[in-house]
Protein backbone atom coordinates (compact mmCIF):
# COMPACT_ATOMS: atom_id res chain seq x y z
CA MET A 1 7.68 13.00 6.66
CA THR A 2 5.95 14.90 3.90
CA LEU A 3 2.84 13.43 2.32
CA THR A 4 3.01 13.42 -1.49
CA LEU A 5 0.87 12.21 -4.38
CA GLN A 6 2.78 9.77 -6.56
CA ARG A 7 1.92 8.41 -9.97
CA PRO A 8 1.86 4.62 -9.56
CA SER A 9 5.13 3.17 -10.81
CA PRO A 10 6.92 -0.19 -10.83
CA GLU A 11 9.35 1.16 -8.21
CA LEU A 12 6.49 1.92 -5.80
CA LEU A 13 4.45 -1.21 -6.55
CA PRO A 14 6.04 -3.38 -3.79
CA GLY A 15 4.82 -0.90 -1.16
CA TYR A 16 1.32 -0.99 -2.62
CA GLU A 17 1.33 -4.80 -2.68
CA ALA A 18 2.50 -4.91 0.94
CA ALA A 19 -0.43 -2.71 1.99
CA LEU A 20 -2.86 -4.98 0.14
CA ARG A 21 -1.38 -8.03 1.87
CA ARG A 22 -1.74 -6.33 5.28
CA GLY A 23 -5.47 -5.93 4.64
CA TRP A 24 -5.69 -2.43 3.18
CA SER A 25 -8.27 -2.23 0.38
CA PRO A 26 -8.61 0.35 -2.39
CA ASP A 27 -12.39 0.06 -1.92
CA ASN A 28 -13.61 0.60 1.64
CA THR A 29 -16.99 -0.95 0.77
CA ARG A 30 -15.45 -4.11 -0.71
CA PRO A 31 -12.50 -5.51 1.23
CA ALA A 32 -12.29 -8.30 -1.39
CA ALA A 33 -10.96 -5.68 -3.82
CA ALA A 34 -7.53 -6.09 -2.19
CA GLY A 35 -7.29 -9.73 -3.21
CA GLU A 36 -8.64 -8.95 -6.68
CA GLN A 37 -5.91 -6.36 -7.18
CA LEU A 38 -3.21 -8.73 -5.96
CA LEU A 39 -4.39 -11.28 -8.54
CA LYS A 40 -4.26 -8.65 -11.31
CA ILE A 41 -0.76 -7.60 -10.26
CA GLU A 42 0.39 -11.23 -10.24
CA ALA A 43 -1.15 -11.91 -13.66
CA ASP A 44 0.27 -8.81 -15.40
CA SER A 45 1.75 -6.04 -13.29
CA ALA A 46 2.34 -3.77 -16.32
CA ALA A 47 -1.32 -4.00 -17.36
CA PHE A 48 -2.36 -3.36 -13.77
CA MET A 49 -0.22 -0.22 -13.66
CA ARG A 50 -1.69 1.01 -16.96
CA SER A 51 -5.20 0.49 -15.59
CA LEU A 52 -4.52 3.07 -12.88
CA ASP A 53 -4.03 5.87 -15.39
CA ASP A 54 -7.01 5.83 -17.74
CA ASP A 55 -7.98 9.48 -17.88
CA LEU A 56 -9.36 9.59 -21.41
CA GLU A 57 -10.85 6.30 -22.54
CA ALA A 58 -12.08 4.36 -19.47
CA ARG A 59 -10.61 1.16 -20.93
CA GLY A 60 -10.59 -0.64 -17.58
CA ASP A 61 -12.92 -3.31 -16.30
CA PRO A 62 -16.40 -2.32 -15.12
CA VAL A 63 -16.57 -1.23 -11.49
CA THR A 64 -18.07 -3.68 -8.98
CA LEU A 65 -20.32 -1.96 -6.45
CA ALA A 66 -20.85 -3.02 -2.84
CA ASP A 67 -24.05 -4.88 -3.79
CA GLY A 68 -22.14 -6.93 -6.39
CA SER A 69 -23.60 -5.15 -9.41
CA THR A 70 -21.31 -3.56 -11.98
CA VAL A 71 -21.34 -0.22 -13.74
CA PRO A 72 -19.19 1.09 -16.60
CA ARG A 73 -15.90 2.65 -15.54
CA LEU A 74 -15.60 6.43 -15.75
CA PRO A 75 -12.40 7.89 -17.17
CA GLY A 76 -9.97 8.73 -14.40
CA TYR A 77 -6.65 8.11 -12.75
CA VAL A 78 -5.23 7.03 -9.41
CA ARG A 79 -2.43 8.56 -7.39
CA TRP A 80 -0.82 6.94 -4.41
CA LEU A 81 -0.36 8.79 -1.14
CA TRP A 82 3.23 8.40 -0.03
CA ASP A 83 5.00 9.44 3.17
CA GLY A 84 8.13 7.37 2.69
CA GLU A 85 5.94 4.32 2.11
CA PHE A 86 2.50 3.68 0.66
CA CYS A 87 -0.22 5.09 2.93
CA GLY A 88 -3.34 5.39 0.74
CA SER A 89 -4.73 6.24 -2.66
CA ILE A 90 -6.83 8.89 -4.27
CA GLY A 91 -8.87 8.41 -7.43
CA PHE A 92 -9.93 11.18 -9.77
CA ARG A 93 -12.90 10.55 -12.09
CA ARG A 94 -14.55 12.61 -14.79
CA GLN A 95 -17.67 12.42 -16.88
CA ASN A 96 -17.14 11.70 -20.56
CA GLY A 97 -17.35 14.80 -22.73
CA THR A 98 -16.48 17.28 -19.99
CA PRO A 99 -13.28 18.23 -18.17
CA ALA A 100 -15.26 18.60 -14.93
CA ARG A 101 -14.13 16.28 -12.14
CA LEU A 102 -16.97 14.23 -10.74
CA ARG A 103 -15.55 12.52 -7.73
CA ILE A 104 -12.45 12.17 -5.69
CA ASP A 105 -12.18 8.86 -3.83
CA LEU A 106 -9.78 8.98 -0.91
CA GLU A 107 -8.98 5.62 0.70
């Protein structure tokens, strides 16, 4: 199979949820992030999907670090790695006021 980057979509969401339920986490330093995301999906899947594509305004919740502290979210977006089913995610972040990419998080 070919590995592709996919924009998160309602059609692909069941595969993402299945990975979360199997124990995959979008944050390798905080396994609890998987359960947090499942709760967000259950509460409002459309809002959850919108939160994954926030390239300009960083409207999402603050980011919880491994030590439990929080920092403001940087603008960015997430793409899902897909090889016929969900197999990971990649996050792109940028610093406000510049088009330069700061970090790519591959999980």
